[in-house]
Amino acid sequence: MSSTKTPTFSTYGGYGQQLLQQMGYNQAVRIGDRIETAGQGGWNPETGEIPASLDEEIDQAFSNVDLALRSAGGKGWSQVYRIRLYALEPEGFTEEGLHRMVQNMDKWCGKRPILTGVGVSKLGQPGMRFEIEVAAYAPEEE
């Protein structure tokens, strides 16, 4: 178990750095063997653009979570034990959207982490319909 309990904040380049400069927040934090991410939307990680397609937005949000975890020194989705999903109602909670979310969980999560899904009336950026935040157990290498 890691002896470092001081929070270490991290963010990825491109849009992550832009959010850090403009809004003052990082994309992930590591405290010891635990990493938590900020909510990851389906934005392009370089430009911040949100795809028009809900499927593409969901796919990119899952990819951005992986990017945020790795920026904090983790190994990605394989270490995730908790997922919180936020979906814009009704656009994000369609049958197709839920199906795409399950496809991404099958792709990214070898095991089945615990999950909470919340329907919301608004998300943090105009055009967003889907957002994910996760917690991961990521032991630091000896």
C-alpha atoms as a PDB file:
ATOM      1  CA  MET A   1       0.000   0.000   0.000  1.00  0.00           C
ATOM      2  CA  SER A   2       1.245   3.459  -0.849  1.00  0.00           C
ATOM      3  CA  SER A   3       2.550   5.664   1.916  1.00  0.00           C
ATOM      4  CA  THR A   4       1.830   8.853  -0.077  1.00  0.00           C
ATOM      5  CA  LYS A   5      -1.457  10.336   1.133  1.00  0.00           C
ATOM      6  CA  THR A   6      -0.945  13.847  -0.226  1.00  0.00           C
ATOM      7  CA  PRO A   7      -3.291  14.598  -3.146  1.00  0.00           C
ATOM      8  CA  THR A   8      -1.507  14.717  -6.500  1.00  0.00           C
ATOM      9  CA  PHE A   9      -3.583  16.424  -9.174  1.00  0.00           C
ATOM     10  CA  SER A  10      -3.175  15.800 -12.901  1.00  0.00           C
ATOM     11  CA  THR A  11      -4.707  16.677 -16.205  1.00  0.00           C
ATOM     12  CA  TYR A  12      -4.165  15.667 -19.795  1.00  0.00           C
ATOM     13  CA  GLY A  13      -3.023  18.030 -22.536  1.00  0.00           C
ATOM     14  CA  GLY A  14      -5.191  19.874 -25.007  1.00  0.00           C
ATOM     15  CA  TYR A  15      -8.693  20.495 -23.705  1.00  0.00           C
ATOM     16  CA  GLY A  16      -7.774  19.267 -20.208  1.00  0.00           C
ATOM     17  CA  GLN A  17      -5.133  21.999 -19.940  1.00  0.00           C
ATOM     18  CA  GLN A  18      -7.601  24.530 -21.345  1.00  0.00           C
ATOM     19  CA  LEU A  19     -10.153  23.641 -18.634  1.00  0.00           C
ATOM     20  CA  LEU A  20      -7.437  23.917 -15.978  1.00  0.00           C
ATOM     21  CA  GLN A  21      -6.485  27.407 -17.169  1.00  0.00           C
ATOM     22  CA  GLN A  22     -10.025  28.690 -17.762  1.00  0.00           C
ATOM     23  CA  MET A  23     -11.967  27.004 -14.962  1.00  0.00           C
ATOM     24  CA  GLY A  24      -9.275  26.044 -12.464  1.00  0.00           C
ATOM     25  CA  TYR A  25      -9.824  22.301 -12.165  1.00  0.00           C
ATOM     26  CA  ASN A  26      -7.819  19.168 -12.932  1.00  0.00           C
ATOM     27  CA  GLN A  27      -9.097  15.999 -14.569  1.00  0.00           C
ATOM     28  CA  ALA A  28      -7.912  13.544 -11.891  1.00  0.00           C
ATOM     29  CA  VAL A  29      -6.492  13.266  -8.397  1.00  0.00           C
ATOM     30  CA  ARG A  30      -4.430  10.482  -6.828  1.00  0.00           C
ATOM     31  CA  ILE A  31      -4.390   9.996  -3.072  1.00  0.00           C
ATOM     32  CA  GLY A  32      -2.301   6.977  -2.179  1.00  0.00           C
ATOM     33  CA  ASP A  33      -3.624   3.971  -4.088  1.00  0.00           C
ATOM     34  CA  ARG A  34      -6.841   5.662  -5.158  1.00  0.00           C
ATOM     35  CA  ILE A  35      -7.529   7.774  -8.262  1.00  0.00           C
ATOM     36  CA  GLU A  36     -10.722   9.743  -8.863  1.00  0.00           C
ATOM     37  CA  THR A  37     -11.602  11.582 -12.041  1.00  0.00           C
ATOM     38  CA  ALA A  38     -13.511  14.760 -12.627  1.00  0.00           C
ATOM     39  CA  GLY A  39     -16.606  14.265 -14.745  1.00  0.00           C
ATOM     40  CA  GLN A  40     -15.503  13.329 -18.251  1.00  0.00           C
ATOM     41  CA  GLY A  41     -17.718  14.416 -21.099  1.00  0.00           C
ATOM     42  CA  GLY A  42     -17.573  13.133 -24.621  1.00  0.00           C
ATOM     43  CA  TRP A  43     -15.542  16.099 -25.796  1.00  0.00           C
ATOM     44  CA  ASN A  44     -12.661  15.843 -28.214  1.00  0.00           C
ATOM     45  CA  PRO A  45      -9.655  15.827 -25.836  1.00  0.00           C
ATOM     46  CA  GLU A  46      -7.745  18.240 -28.074  1.00  0.00           C
ATOM     47  CA  THR A  47     -10.465  20.724 -29.104  1.00  0.00           C
ATOM     48  CA  GLY A  48     -13.293  20.314 -26.574  1.00  0.00           C
ATOM     49  CA  GLU A  49     -15.839  19.823 -29.353  1.00  0.00           C
ATOM     50  CA  ILE A  50     -18.866  17.654 -28.481  1.00  0.00           C
ATOM     51  CA  PRO A  51     -19.878  15.165 -31.226  1.00  0.00           C
ATOM     52  CA  ALA A  52     -23.344  15.509 -32.753  1.00  0.00           C
ATOM     53  CA  SER A  53     -23.906  11.743 -32.395  1.00  0.00           C
ATOM     54  CA  LEU A  54     -24.858  10.475 -28.910  1.00  0.00           C
ATOM     55  CA  ASP A  55     -23.049   7.186 -29.625  1.00  0.00           C
ATOM     56  CA  GLU A  56     -19.826   9.051 -30.454  1.00  0.00           C
ATOM     57  CA  GLU A  57     -20.221  11.238 -27.360  1.00  0.00           C
ATOM     58  CA  ILE A  58     -20.583   8.192 -25.111  1.00  0.00           C
ATOM     59  CA  ASP A  59     -17.633   6.426 -26.778  1.00  0.00           C
ATOM     60  CA  GLN A  60     -15.441   9.502 -26.339  1.00  0.00           C
ATOM     61  CA  ALA A  61     -16.476   9.985 -22.687  1.00  0.00           C
ATOM     62  CA  PHE A  62     -15.297   6.437 -21.908  1.00  0.00           C
ATOM     63  CA  SER A  63     -12.051   7.103 -23.780  1.00  0.00           C
ATOM     64  CA  ASN A  64     -11.547  10.376 -21.875  1.00  0.00           C
ATOM     65  CA  VAL A  65     -11.913   8.533 -18.560  1.00  0.00           C
ATOM     66  CA  ASP A  66      -9.090   6.216 -19.631  1.00  0.00           C
ATOM     67  CA  LEU A  67      -6.981   9.236 -20.598  1.00  0.00           C
ATOM     68  CA  ALA A  68      -7.622  10.944 -17.238  1.00  0.00           C
ATOM     69  CA  LEU A  69      -6.761   7.788 -15.264  1.00  0.00           C
ATOM     70  CA  ARG A  70      -3.519   7.299 -17.175  1.00  0.00           C
ATOM     71  CA  SER A  71      -2.584  10.968 -16.701  1.00  0.00           C
ATOM     72  CA  ALA A  72      -2.742  10.271 -12.946  1.00  0.00           C
ATOM     73  CA  GLY A  73      -0.430   7.262 -13.230  1.00  0.00           C
ATOM     74  CA  GLY A  74      -3.120   4.592 -13.365  1.00  0.00           C
ATOM     75  CA  LYS A  75      -3.514   1.740 -15.832  1.00  0.00           C
ATOM     76  CA  GLY A  76      -6.928   2.790 -17.100  1.00  0.00           C
ATOM     77  CA  TRP A  77     -10.328   1.169 -16.832  1.00  0.00           C
ATOM     78  CA  SER A  78      -9.050  -2.177 -15.497  1.00  0.00           C
ATOM     79  CA  GLN A  79      -8.592  -0.525 -12.075  1.00  0.00           C
ATOM     80  CA  VAL A  80     -12.032   1.134 -11.881  1.00  0.00           C
ATOM     81  CA  TYR A  81     -14.317  -0.024  -9.076  1.00  0.00           C
ATOM     82  CA  ARG A  82     -16.976   2.742  -9.111  1.00  0.00           C
ATOM     83  CA  ILE A  83     -18.727   4.570 -11.957  1.00  0.00           C
ATOM     84  CA  ARG A  84     -21.112   7.501 -11.739  1.00  0.00           C
ATOM     85  CA  LEU A  85     -22.985   8.331 -14.937  1.00  0.00           C
ATOM     86  CA  TYR A  86     -24.881  11.532 -15.520  1.00  0.00           C
ATOM     87  CA  ALA A  87     -27.196  11.668 -18.526  1.00  0.00           C
ATOM     88  CA  LEU A  88     -29.253  14.563 -19.784  1.00  0.00           C
ATOM     89  CA  GLU A  89     -32.948  13.731 -19.651  1.00  0.00           C
ATOM     90  CA  PRO A  90     -34.472  12.712 -21.958  1.00  0.00           C
ATOM     91  CA  GLU A  91     -31.732  12.893 -24.655  1.00  0.00           C
ATOM     92  CA  GLY A  92     -29.097  10.878 -22.803  1.00  0.00           C
ATOM     93  CA  PHE A  93     -31.402   8.209 -21.380  1.00  0.00           C
ATOM     94  CA  THR A  94     -32.578   6.691 -24.640  1.00  0.00           C
ATOM     95  CA  GLU A  95     -32.660   2.964 -25.286  1.00  0.00           C
ATOM     96  CA  GLU A  96     -29.882   3.466 -27.845  1.00  0.00           C
ATOM     97  CA  GLY A  97     -27.806   5.504 -25.383  1.00  0.00           C
ATOM     98  CA  LEU A  98     -28.135   2.879 -22.654  1.00  0.00           C
ATOM     99  CA  HIS A  99     -27.211   0.154 -25.152  1.00  0.00           C
ATOM    100  CA  ARG A 100     -24.093   2.112 -26.184  1.00  0.00           C
ATOM    101  CA  MET A 101     -23.123   2.601 -22.534  1.00  0.00           C
ATOM    102  CA  VAL A 102     -23.348  -1.171 -21.950  1.00  0.00           C
ATOM    103  CA  GLN A 103     -21.235  -1.788 -25.076  1.00  0.00           C
ATOM    104  CA  ASN A 104     -18.569   0.555 -23.715  1.00  0.00           C
ATOM    105  CA  MET A 105     -18.637  -1.092 -20.296  1.00  0.00           C
ATOM    106  CA  ASP A 106     -18.088  -4.447 -22.033  1.00  0.00           C
ATOM    107  CA  LYS A 107     -15.209  -2.950 -24.034  1.00  0.00           C
ATOM    108  CA  TRP A 108     -13.429  -1.040 -21.248  1.00  0.00           C
ATOM    109  CA  CYS A 109     -14.298  -2.874 -17.992  1.00  0.00           C
ATOM    110  CA  GLY A 110     -13.061  -6.427 -17.636  1.00  0.00           C
ATOM    111  CA  LYS A 111     -14.925  -6.711 -14.347  1.00  0.00           C
ATOM    112  CA  ARG A 112     -18.199  -5.138 -13.351  1.00  0.00           C
ATOM    113  CA  PRO A 113     -17.644  -2.077 -11.147  1.00  0.00           C
ATOM    114  CA  ILE A 114     -20.430  -0.642  -9.039  1.00  0.00           C
ATOM    115  CA  LEU A 115     -22.541   1.893 -10.916  1.00  0.00           C
ATOM    116  CA  THR A 116     -24.827   4.811 -10.148  1.00  0.00           C
ATOM    117  CA  GLY A 117     -26.751   6.485 -12.971  1.00  0.00           C
ATOM    118  CA  VAL A 118     -28.370   9.882 -12.536  1.00  0.00           C
ATOM    119  CA  GLY A 119     -30.700  11.709 -14.916  1.00  0.00           C
ATOM    120  CA  VAL A 120     -30.104  15.459 -14.928  1.00  0.00           C
ATOM    121  CA  SER A 121     -31.597  18.531 -16.574  1.00  0.00           C
ATOM    122  CA  LYS A 122     -28.208  20.092 -17.411  1.00  0.00           C
ATOM    123  CA  LEU A 123     -24.528  19.192 -17.583  1.00  0.00           C
ATOM    124  CA  GLY A 124     -21.417  21.349 -17.251  1.00  0.00           C
ATOM    125  CA  GLN A 125     -20.943  22.295 -20.889  1.00  0.00           C
ATOM    126  CA  PRO A 126     -23.490  23.290 -23.553  1.00  0.00           C
ATOM    127  CA  GLY A 127     -24.283  20.381 -25.862  1.00  0.00           C
ATOM    128  CA  MET A 128     -23.250  17.662 -23.395  1.00  0.00           C
ATOM    129  CA  ARG A 129     -25.686  14.777 -22.933  1.00  0.00           C
ATOM    130  CA  PHE A 130     -23.456  12.332 -21.060  1.00  0.00           C
ATOM    131  CA  GLU A 131     -20.770  12.547 -18.360  1.00  0.00           C
ATOM    132  CA  ILE A 132     -18.829   9.936 -16.374  1.00  0.00           C
ATOM    133  CA  GLU A 133     -16.753  10.103 -13.209  1.00  0.00           C
ATOM    134  CA  VAL A 134     -14.941   7.121 -11.749  1.00  0.00           C
ATOM    135  CA  ALA A 135     -12.897   5.943  -8.792  1.00  0.00           C
ATOM    136  CA  ALA A 136     -10.060   3.460  -9.272  1.00  0.00           C
ATOM    137  CA  TYR A 137      -7.824   1.395  -7.020  1.00  0.00           C
ATOM    138  CA  ALA A 138      -4.366   1.889  -8.504  1.00  0.00           C
ATOM    139  CA  PRO A 139      -1.519   0.611  -6.325  1.00  0.00           C
ATOM    140  CA  GLU A 140       1.726   2.387  -7.065  1.00  0.00           C
ATOM    141  CA  GLU A 141       4.498   0.085  -8.224  1.00  0.00           C
ATOM    142  CA  GLU A 142       7.077  -0.778  -5.568  1.00  0.00           C
END
